[in-house]
Protein backbone atom coordinates (compact mmCIF):
# COMPACT_ATOMS: atom_id res chain seq x y z
CA UNK A 1 -7.08 4.88 36.51
CA UNK A 2 -4.22 7.12 35.82
CA UNK A 3 -2.30 6.01 32.78
CA UNK A 4 1.38 6.21 33.69
CA UNK A 5 2.59 3.72 30.88
CA UNK A 6 1.36 2.44 27.47
CA UNK A 7 0.41 -0.70 29.07
CA UNK A 8 -2.05 1.05 31.10
CA UNK A 9 -4.07 1.99 28.18
CA UNK A 10 -7.25 -0.36 27.76
CA UNK A 11 -7.14 -0.03 23.82
CA UNK A 12 -3.23 -1.16 23.96
CA UNK A 13 -4.41 -4.26 26.25
CA UNK A 14 -7.23 -5.19 23.58
CA UNK A 15 -4.90 -4.72 20.67
CA UNK A 16 -2.11 -6.98 22.38
CA UNK A 17 -4.85 -9.66 22.83
CA UNK A 18 -5.78 -9.13 19.12
CA UNK A 19 -2.04 -9.49 18.03
CA UNK A 20 -2.11 -12.73 20.21
CA UNK A 21 -5.16 -14.32 18.23
CA UNK A 22 -3.78 -13.39 15.00
CA UNK A 23 -0.42 -14.95 15.66
CA UNK A 24 -2.18 -18.08 16.92
CA UNK A 25 -4.13 -18.23 13.64
CA UNK A 26 -1.27 -17.77 11.35
CA UNK A 27 0.23 -20.81 12.82
CA UNK A 28 -2.49 -23.03 11.46
CA UNK A 29 -1.01 -25.21 8.73
CA UNK A 30 -2.75 -23.65 5.56
CA UNK A 31 -2.47 -20.19 6.93
CA UNK A 32 1.26 -20.71 7.95
CA UNK A 33 1.88 -21.38 4.05
CA UNK A 34 0.31 -18.25 2.77
CA UNK A 35 3.43 -16.14 3.46
CA UNK A 36 1.94 -13.05 1.99
CA UNK A 37 -1.41 -13.04 3.80
CA UNK A 38 0.19 -14.30 7.13
CA UNK A 39 2.89 -11.36 7.06
CA UNK A 40 0.17 -8.77 6.17
CA UNK A 41 -2.29 -9.63 9.10
CA UNK A 42 0.60 -10.08 11.61
CA UNK A 43 2.08 -6.67 10.43
CA UNK A 44 -1.39 -5.05 10.93
CA UNK A 45 -1.93 -6.48 14.30
CA UNK A 46 1.44 -5.56 15.38
CA UNK A 47 1.43 -2.05 13.81
CA UNK A 48 -1.73 -1.24 15.77
CA UNK A 49 -0.16 -2.39 19.01
CA UNK A 50 3.08 -0.32 18.12
CA UNK A 51 1.35 2.78 17.15
CA UNK A 52 -0.59 3.04 20.48
CA UNK A 53 2.85 2.58 22.37
CA UNK A 54 4.79 4.99 20.14
CA UNK A 55 1.92 7.45 20.30
CA UNK A 56 2.03 7.45 24.03
CA UNK A 57 5.37 9.14 23.97
CA UNK A 58 4.16 11.91 21.67
CA UNK A 59 4.90 15.48 22.86
CA UNK A 60 1.36 16.51 22.38
CA UNK A 61 -2.26 15.02 22.50
CA UNK A 62 -2.72 15.94 18.70
CA UNK A 63 0.28 13.81 17.86
CA UNK A 64 -0.88 10.95 20.13
CA UNK A 65 -4.18 11.13 18.35
CA UNK A 66 -2.42 10.75 14.98
CA UNK A 67 -0.81 7.56 16.10
CA UNK A 68 -4.25 6.28 17.76
CA UNK A 69 -5.96 6.67 14.22
CA UNK A 70 -3.17 4.83 12.60
CA UNK A 71 -3.66 2.21 15.11
CA UNK A 72 -7.47 2.11 14.55
CA UNK A 73 -7.01 1.83 10.69
CA UNK A 74 -4.57 -1.08 11.25
CA UNK A 75 -7.52 -2.90 13.20
CA UNK A 76 -9.70 -2.38 10.23
CA UNK A 77 -6.97 -3.88 8.12
CA UNK A 78 -6.86 -6.96 10.17
CA UNK A 79 -10.70 -7.25 9.92
CA UNK A 80 -10.40 -7.02 6.12
CA UNK A 81 -7.65 -9.85 5.92
CA UNK A 82 -9.62 -12.00 8.08
CA UNK A 83 -12.09 -12.29 5.29
CA UNK A 84 -9.35 -13.58 2.86
CA UNK A 85 -8.44 -16.22 5.53
CA UNK A 86 -11.97 -17.62 6.12
CA UNK A 87 -12.60 -17.54 2.30
CA UNK A 88 -9.39 -19.49 1.67
CA UNK A 89 -10.69 -21.78 4.59
CA UNK A 90 -7.40 -21.12 6.60
CA UNK A 91 -9.68 -20.27 9.52
CA UNK A 92 -13.22 -21.58 10.59
CA UNK A 93 -16.12 -19.15 10.64
CA UNK A 94 -16.10 -19.27 14.41
CA UNK A 95 -12.27 -18.05 14.34
CA UNK A 96 -13.25 -15.39 12.03
CA UNK A 97 -15.91 -14.12 14.37
CA UNK A 98 -13.79 -14.19 17.30
CA UNK A 99 -10.92 -12.27 16.10
CA UNK A 100 -13.24 -9.94 13.97
CA UNK A 101 -14.96 -8.97 17.12
CA UNK A 102 -11.72 -8.55 18.95
CA UNK A 103 -10.61 -6.04 16.35
CA UNK A 104 -14.04 -4.32 16.66
CA UNK A 105 -13.74 -4.00 20.35
CA UNK A 106 -10.32 -2.78 19.97
CA UNK A 107 -11.36 -0.20 17.34
CA UNK A 108 -14.11 1.00 19.65
CA UNK A 109 -11.74 1.47 22.56
CA UNK A 110 -9.26 3.42 20.32
CA UNK A 111 -12.14 5.40 19.08
CA UNK A 112 -13.22 6.29 22.68
CA UNK A 113 -9.55 7.07 23.69
CA UNK A 114 -9.46 9.52 20.88
CA UNK A 115 -12.74 11.26 21.74
CA UNK A 116 -11.44 11.45 25.46
CA UNK A 117 -8.31 13.29 24.45
CA UNK A 118 -10.05 15.57 21.97
CA UNK A 119 -12.53 16.58 24.70
CA UNK A 120 -9.59 17.15 27.10
CA UNK A 121 -7.99 19.42 24.57
CA UNK A 122 -11.46 21.34 24.08
CA UNK A 123 -11.80 21.79 27.95
CA UNK A 124 -8.11 22.72 28.37
CA UNK A 125 -8.56 25.54 25.45
CA UNK A 126 -11.78 26.82 26.89
CA UNK A 127 -10.01 27.24 30.34
CA UNK A 128 -7.17 29.35 29.03
CA UNK A 129 -6.63 33.04 29.84
CA UNK A 130 -7.11 35.23 26.76
């Protein structure tokens, strides 16, 4: 499938679902009152989504990859913050597992897209005339 808009990127679609799940969790009564953690995990999920979109408009693949790496790290941040949420009993172990797995799938898709862009750049470099 040709990517014409950032919405076409599989990793963006996955992180959008991750953000939806995070926002649903943070509406739970106990979680909603922990303003610091609520804001932090929402910001991390949103940041991951927005970095993919912002990177899409980069002038070069190298710059796009930089934004994708930020997105991947933000997914890892969501995973870490989920531990606090489950430890504080804001979410159930099942909710933890579901959202943690969504973040893992998203990270894997971002990593795969980074690898694809890197290989594309390598092929492009080897096909250049000296």
